[in-house]
Amino acid sequence: MQELLHHESYVCIGRAADFVLKDEPNVVSVYLDAPYEFRLKREMKRQGISEQEAVKYIDRLDKYRNSYYMYHTGRQWKNPENYDLCLNTESLGLDHCVELIKKFMELKFGICSSEKEIL
């Protein structure tokens, strides 16, 4: 991740990238979350599964992500102190989250999205 960062812009999802790249100046770390019930309904619809299956899926995935993050970083995965920006996808919607991330980057790096493609 660090080597690639010096050659091009990219988006990294997961892999404790916020920790791995924490000392890099041109990085924005974002945490997206939503209330559990919203996540359940989204997975039921997205995967066409029952509520019981969605509960198992989400719980298993959250446990894996938390364990992975703790193992590699020694920190709590959902702690907002680990991230530059934390957004609730239920209250904002994904499109508005994208717009807020772009605006955050414009403010942090002093660029306009019309000057440079951000995402």
N, C-alpha and C. Protein backbone atom coordinates (compact mmCIF):
# COMPACT_ATOMS: atom_id res chain seq x y z
N MET A 1 0.82 -1.20 0.00
CA MET A 1 0.00 0.00 0.00
C MET A 1 0.87 1.26 0.00
N GLN A 2 1.92 1.25 0.81
CA GLN A 2 2.76 2.44 0.90
C GLN A 2 3.49 2.71 -0.39
N GLU A 3 3.99 1.67 -1.04
CA GLU A 3 4.71 1.85 -2.30
C GLU A 3 3.80 2.39 -3.39
N LEU A 4 2.61 1.83 -3.50
CA LEU A 4 1.65 2.27 -4.50
C LEU A 4 1.26 3.72 -4.29
N LEU A 5 1.17 4.14 -3.03
CA LEU A 5 0.77 5.51 -2.70
C LEU A 5 1.69 6.54 -3.34
N HIS A 6 2.94 6.21 -3.51
CA HIS A 6 3.90 7.15 -4.07
C HIS A 6 3.89 7.17 -5.60
N HIS A 7 3.08 6.31 -6.20
CA HIS A 7 3.02 6.24 -7.66
C HIS A 7 1.68 6.68 -8.24
N GLU A 8 0.61 6.54 -7.46
CA GLU A 8 -0.70 6.91 -7.98
C GLU A 8 -1.71 7.08 -6.86
N SER A 9 -2.83 7.68 -7.19
CA SER A 9 -3.94 7.81 -6.24
C SER A 9 -4.79 6.55 -6.32
N TYR A 10 -5.31 6.12 -5.18
CA TYR A 10 -6.17 4.95 -5.18
C TYR A 10 -7.05 4.94 -3.93
N VAL A 11 -8.06 4.10 -3.97
CA VAL A 11 -8.94 3.89 -2.83
C VAL A 11 -8.69 2.48 -2.33
N CYS A 12 -8.42 2.37 -1.05
CA CYS A 12 -8.21 1.07 -0.42
C CYS A 12 -9.34 0.84 0.56
N ILE A 13 -10.04 -0.26 0.41
CA ILE A 13 -11.14 -0.59 1.31
C ILE A 13 -10.67 -1.69 2.25
N GLY A 14 -10.66 -1.37 3.53
CA GLY A 14 -10.26 -2.36 4.52
C GLY A 14 -8.76 -2.49 4.63
N ARG A 15 -8.33 -3.66 5.04
CA ARG A 15 -6.93 -4.01 5.19
C ARG A 15 -6.17 -3.12 6.17
N ALA A 16 -6.91 -2.51 7.11
CA ALA A 16 -6.30 -1.64 8.13
C ALA A 16 -5.47 -0.54 7.47
N ALA A 17 -5.92 -0.08 6.32
CA ALA A 17 -5.18 0.94 5.57
C ALA A 17 -5.01 2.22 6.37
N ASP A 18 -6.00 2.55 7.20
CA ASP A 18 -5.88 3.77 8.02
C ASP A 18 -4.66 3.68 8.93
N PHE A 19 -4.35 2.49 9.42
CA PHE A 19 -3.21 2.29 10.30
C PHE A 19 -1.91 2.21 9.50
N VAL A 20 -1.93 1.43 8.44
CA VAL A 20 -0.73 1.23 7.61
C VAL A 20 -0.24 2.56 7.03
N LEU A 21 -1.18 3.41 6.63
CA LEU A 21 -0.84 4.67 5.97
C LEU A 21 -0.97 5.89 6.88
N LYS A 22 -1.04 5.68 8.19
CA LYS A 22 -1.33 6.76 9.13
C LYS A 22 -0.31 7.89 9.11
N ASP A 23 0.92 7.62 8.74
CA ASP A 23 1.95 8.65 8.74
C ASP A 23 2.13 9.33 7.39
N GLU A 24 1.34 8.93 6.43
CA GLU A 24 1.43 9.51 5.09
C GLU A 24 0.58 10.78 5.01
N PRO A 25 1.12 11.86 4.49
CA PRO A 25 0.40 13.14 4.49
C PRO A 25 -0.76 13.23 3.50
N ASN A 26 -0.73 12.48 2.43
CA ASN A 26 -1.75 12.60 1.39
C ASN A 26 -2.80 11.50 1.46
N VAL A 27 -3.20 11.16 2.69
CA VAL A 27 -4.15 10.07 2.90
C VAL A 27 -5.34 10.60 3.69
N VAL A 28 -6.51 10.15 3.31
CA VAL A 28 -7.73 10.42 4.07
C VAL A 28 -8.31 9.06 4.47
N SER A 29 -8.52 8.88 5.75
CA SER A 29 -9.11 7.63 6.22
C SER A 29 -10.56 7.90 6.59
N VAL A 30 -11.44 7.08 6.05
CA VAL A 30 -12.88 7.26 6.22
C VAL A 30 -13.48 5.97 6.76
N TYR A 31 -14.36 6.12 7.73
CA TYR A 31 -15.09 4.97 8.28
C TYR A 31 -16.57 5.18 7.98
N LEU A 32 -17.17 4.23 7.28
CA LEU A 32 -18.59 4.26 6.97
C LEU A 32 -19.29 3.21 7.81
N ASP A 33 -20.41 3.59 8.41
CA ASP A 33 -21.17 2.65 9.23
C ASP A 33 -22.65 3.01 9.12
N ALA A 34 -23.47 2.19 9.71
CA ALA A 34 -24.92 2.43 9.77
C ALA A 34 -25.46 1.63 10.94
N PRO A 35 -26.62 2.02 11.44
CA PRO A 35 -27.24 1.23 12.51
C PRO A 35 -27.46 -0.22 12.07
N TYR A 36 -27.41 -1.11 13.05
CA TYR A 36 -27.50 -2.54 12.79
C TYR A 36 -28.76 -2.91 12.00
N GLU A 37 -29.90 -2.39 12.38
CA GLU A 37 -31.16 -2.73 11.68
C GLU A 37 -31.12 -2.32 10.21
N PHE A 38 -30.55 -1.19 9.94
CA PHE A 38 -30.42 -0.72 8.55
C PHE A 38 -29.52 -1.67 7.77
N ARG A 39 -28.42 -2.07 8.40
CA ARG A 39 -27.50 -2.99 7.75
C ARG A 39 -28.17 -4.33 7.48
N LEU A 40 -28.99 -4.80 8.42
CA LEU A 40 -29.73 -6.05 8.24
C LEU A 40 -30.62 -5.98 7.00
N LYS A 41 -31.42 -4.94 6.95
CA LYS A 41 -32.35 -4.79 5.81
C LYS A 41 -31.60 -4.67 4.49
N ARG A 42 -30.47 -3.93 4.51
CA ARG A 42 -29.70 -3.77 3.28
C ARG A 42 -29.15 -5.11 2.81
N GLU A 43 -28.63 -5.93 3.73
CA GLU A 43 -28.08 -7.23 3.33
C GLU A 43 -29.17 -8.20 2.89
N MET A 44 -30.31 -8.15 3.55
CA MET A 44 -31.43 -9.00 3.13
C MET A 44 -31.82 -8.69 1.69
N LYS A 45 -31.91 -7.42 1.38
CA LYS A 45 -32.28 -7.01 0.03
C LYS A 45 -31.16 -7.29 -0.97
N ARG A 46 -29.94 -6.92 -0.60
CA ARG A 46 -28.79 -7.06 -1.50
C ARG A 46 -28.53 -8.52 -1.86
N GLN A 47 -28.62 -9.40 -0.86
CA GLN A 47 -28.29 -10.80 -1.08
C GLN A 47 -29.52 -11.69 -1.27
N GLY A 48 -30.71 -11.15 -1.04
CA GLY A 48 -31.91 -11.95 -1.16
C GLY A 48 -31.96 -13.05 -0.10
N ILE A 49 -31.61 -12.69 1.14
CA ILE A 49 -31.55 -13.68 2.22
C ILE A 49 -32.54 -13.31 3.33
N SER A 50 -32.78 -14.27 4.22
CA SER A 50 -33.70 -14.05 5.34
C SER A 50 -33.03 -13.17 6.40
N GLU A 51 -33.84 -12.70 7.33
CA GLU A 51 -33.30 -11.89 8.43
C GLU A 51 -32.30 -12.71 9.26
N GLN A 52 -32.64 -13.95 9.52
CA GLN A 52 -31.75 -14.83 10.30
C GLN A 52 -30.41 -15.00 9.59
N GLU A 53 -30.45 -15.21 8.29
CA GLU A 53 -29.21 -15.35 7.52
C GLU A 53 -28.42 -14.05 7.52
N ALA A 54 -29.12 -12.93 7.43
CA ALA A 54 -28.45 -11.63 7.44
C ALA A 54 -27.78 -11.37 8.78
N VAL A 55 -28.44 -11.74 9.87
CA VAL A 55 -27.85 -11.59 11.22
C VAL A 55 -26.55 -12.39 11.29
N LYS A 56 -26.59 -13.63 10.86
CA LYS A 56 -25.39 -14.48 10.90
C LYS A 56 -24.28 -13.88 10.03
N TYR A 57 -24.65 -13.43 8.85
CA TYR A 57 -23.68 -12.85 7.92
C TYR A 57 -23.01 -11.61 8.52
N ILE A 58 -23.82 -10.67 8.99
CA ILE A 58 -23.29 -9.42 9.54
C ILE A 58 -22.46 -9.67 10.79
N ASP A 59 -22.96 -10.51 11.68
CA ASP A 59 -22.23 -10.79 12.92
C ASP A 59 -20.89 -11.47 12.63
N ARG A 60 -20.89 -12.42 11.69
CA ARG A 60 -19.65 -13.10 11.33
C ARG A 60 -18.66 -12.13 10.69
N LEU A 61 -19.15 -11.28 9.79
CA LEU A 61 -18.29 -10.31 9.11
C LEU A 61 -17.73 -9.27 10.09
N ASP A 62 -18.58 -8.77 10.99
CA ASP A 62 -18.11 -7.81 11.99
C ASP A 62 -17.07 -8.42 12.91
N LYS A 63 -17.28 -9.66 13.31
CA LYS A 63 -16.31 -10.34 14.18
C LYS A 63 -14.98 -10.50 13.46
N TYR A 64 -15.04 -10.91 12.19
CA TYR A 64 -13.82 -11.06 11.40
C TYR A 64 -13.09 -9.72 11.26
N ARG A 65 -13.82 -8.68 10.88
CA ARG A 65 -13.20 -7.37 10.69
C ARG A 65 -12.58 -6.85 11.98
N ASN A 66 -13.29 -7.01 13.09
CA ASN A 66 -12.77 -6.56 14.37
C ASN A 66 -11.50 -7.33 14.75
N SER A 67 -11.52 -8.64 14.58
CA SER A 67 -10.35 -9.47 14.90
C SER A 67 -9.17 -9.13 14.01
N TYR A 68 -9.42 -8.99 12.72
CA TYR A 68 -8.36 -8.65 11.76
C TYR A 68 -7.72 -7.32 12.13
N TYR A 69 -8.56 -6.33 12.39
CA TYR A 69 -8.07 -4.99 12.71
C TYR A 69 -7.27 -5.00 14.01
N MET A 70 -7.79 -5.66 15.04
CA MET A 70 -7.09 -5.73 16.33
C MET A 70 -5.75 -6.46 16.18
N TYR A 71 -5.74 -7.56 15.45
CA TYR A 71 -4.51 -8.33 15.27
C TYR A 71 -3.42 -7.50 14.60
N HIS A 72 -3.79 -6.76 13.55
CA HIS A 72 -2.81 -6.02 12.76
C HIS A 72 -2.46 -4.64 13.32
N THR A 73 -3.33 -4.08 14.17
CA THR A 73 -3.09 -2.71 14.63
C THR A 73 -3.01 -2.57 16.14
N GLY A 74 -3.60 -3.51 16.87
CA GLY A 74 -3.68 -3.39 18.32
C GLY A 74 -4.71 -2.35 18.76
N ARG A 75 -5.56 -1.92 17.83
CA ARG A 75 -6.56 -0.89 18.12
C ARG A 75 -7.96 -1.43 17.84
N GLN A 76 -8.95 -0.71 18.37
CA GLN A 76 -10.36 -1.06 18.14
C GLN A 76 -10.79 -0.57 16.77
N TRP A 77 -11.41 -1.44 16.00
CA TRP A 77 -11.81 -1.17 14.63
C TRP A 77 -12.77 0.01 14.50
N LYS A 78 -13.81 0.07 15.32
CA LYS A 78 -14.83 1.10 15.16
C LYS A 78 -14.56 2.38 15.94
N ASN A 79 -13.36 2.55 16.47
CA ASN A 79 -13.03 3.75 17.23
C ASN A 79 -12.86 4.94 16.28
N PRO A 80 -13.69 5.98 16.43
CA PRO A 80 -13.61 7.12 15.51
C PRO A 80 -12.27 7.86 15.55
N GLU A 81 -11.51 7.68 16.62
CA GLU A 81 -10.20 8.33 16.70
C GLU A 81 -9.22 7.80 15.65
N ASN A 82 -9.52 6.65 15.08
CA ASN A 82 -8.65 6.04 14.07
C ASN A 82 -8.82 6.65 12.69
N TYR A 83 -9.84 7.46 12.50
CA TYR A 83 -10.21 7.91 11.16
C TYR A 83 -10.29 9.43 11.08
N ASP A 84 -10.09 9.94 9.88
CA ASP A 84 -10.25 11.37 9.64
C ASP A 84 -11.72 11.76 9.59
N LEU A 85 -12.53 10.85 9.10
CA LEU A 85 -13.94 11.14 8.86
C LEU A 85 -14.77 9.88 9.09
N CYS A 86 -15.86 10.01 9.84
CA CYS A 86 -16.78 8.90 10.08
C CYS A 86 -18.17 9.34 9.63
N LEU A 87 -18.82 8.51 8.82
CA LEU A 87 -20.12 8.88 8.26
C LEU A 87 -21.13 7.76 8.45
N ASN A 88 -22.39 8.16 8.65
CA ASN A 88 -23.51 7.23 8.80
C ASN A 88 -24.20 7.11 7.45
N THR A 89 -24.09 5.95 6.82
CA THR A 89 -24.65 5.78 5.49
C THR A 89 -26.18 5.73 5.48
N GLU A 90 -26.80 5.42 6.62
CA GLU A 90 -28.26 5.45 6.66
C GLU A 90 -28.76 6.88 6.59
N SER A 91 -28.21 7.74 7.41
CA SER A 91 -28.74 9.11 7.47
C SER A 91 -28.33 9.94 6.26
N LEU A 92 -27.20 9.62 5.64
CA LEU A 92 -26.72 10.41 4.51
C LEU A 92 -26.99 9.78 3.16
N GLY A 93 -26.99 8.48 3.09
CA GLY A 93 -27.05 7.79 1.80
C GLY A 93 -25.65 7.74 1.21
N LEU A 94 -25.39 6.76 0.38
CA LEU A 94 -24.05 6.59 -0.18
C LEU A 94 -23.62 7.75 -1.07
N ASP A 95 -24.52 8.27 -1.89
CA ASP A 95 -24.16 9.37 -2.77
C ASP A 95 -23.74 10.62 -2.00
N HIS A 96 -24.46 10.91 -0.92
CA HIS A 96 -24.09 12.08 -0.11
C HIS A 96 -22.79 11.82 0.65
N CYS A 97 -22.56 10.58 1.04
CA CYS A 97 -21.27 10.25 1.68
C CYS A 97 -20.12 10.54 0.71
N VAL A 98 -20.29 10.15 -0.55
CA VAL A 98 -19.26 10.41 -1.56
C VAL A 98 -19.02 11.92 -1.68
N GLU A 99 -20.09 12.69 -1.72
CA GLU A 99 -19.95 14.15 -1.84
C GLU A 99 -19.23 14.74 -0.63
N LEU A 100 -19.55 14.25 0.57
CA LEU A 100 -18.88 14.74 1.77
C LEU A 100 -17.40 14.36 1.79
N ILE A 101 -17.09 13.17 1.34
CA ILE A 101 -15.68 12.75 1.27
C ILE A 101 -14.92 13.64 0.29
N LYS A 102 -15.52 13.91 -0.85
CA LYS A 102 -14.88 14.81 -1.82
C LYS A 102 -14.65 16.19 -1.21
N LYS A 103 -15.65 16.71 -0.55
CA LYS A 103 -15.52 18.03 0.07
C LYS A 103 -14.45 18.02 1.15
N PHE A 104 -14.41 16.98 1.95
CA PHE A 104 -13.38 16.84 2.98
C PHE A 104 -12.00 16.89 2.35
N MET A 105 -11.82 16.17 1.24
CA MET A 105 -10.53 16.14 0.56
C MET A 105 -10.18 17.51 -0.02
N GLU A 106 -11.17 18.18 -0.56
CA GLU A 106 -10.94 19.52 -1.08
C GLU A 106 -10.44 20.44 0.03
N LEU A 107 -11.08 20.37 1.18
CA LEU A 107 -10.70 21.21 2.32
C LEU A 107 -9.32 20.82 2.87
N LYS A 108 -9.07 19.53 2.99
CA LYS A 108 -7.80 19.07 3.55
C LYS A 108 -6.62 19.38 2.64
N PHE A 109 -6.81 19.17 1.35
CA PHE A 109 -5.71 19.31 0.42
C PHE A 109 -5.73 20.61 -0.37
N GLY A 110 -6.78 21.42 -0.19
CA GLY A 110 -6.85 22.71 -0.87
C GLY A 110 -6.99 22.63 -2.37
N ILE A 111 -7.75 21.65 -2.83
CA ILE A 111 -7.98 21.50 -4.26
C ILE A 111 -9.48 21.51 -4.54
N CYS A 112 -9.85 21.84 -5.74
CA CYS A 112 -11.25 21.78 -6.16
C CYS A 112 -11.43 20.51 -6.98
N SER A 113 -12.59 19.88 -6.84
CA SER A 113 -12.84 18.64 -7.57
C SER A 113 -12.80 18.86 -9.08
N SER A 114 -13.06 20.10 -9.52
CA SER A 114 -13.00 20.36 -10.95
C SER A 114 -11.54 20.39 -11.46
N GLU A 115 -10.59 20.66 -10.53
CA GLU A 115 -9.17 20.69 -10.91
C GLU A 115 -8.59 19.30 -10.99
N LYS A 116 -9.06 18.40 -10.15
CA LYS A 116 -8.51 17.06 -10.07
C LYS A 116 -9.61 16.09 -9.70
N GLU A 117 -9.65 14.97 -10.37
CA GLU A 117 -10.62 13.95 -10.01
C GLU A 117 -10.23 13.35 -8.68
N ILE A 118 -11.16 13.32 -7.74
CA ILE A 118 -10.86 12.89 -6.38
C ILE A 118 -11.15 11.41 -6.19
N LEU A 119 -12.30 10.96 -6.61
CA LEU A 119 -12.63 9.55 -6.40
C LEU A 119 -12.79 8.85 -7.73
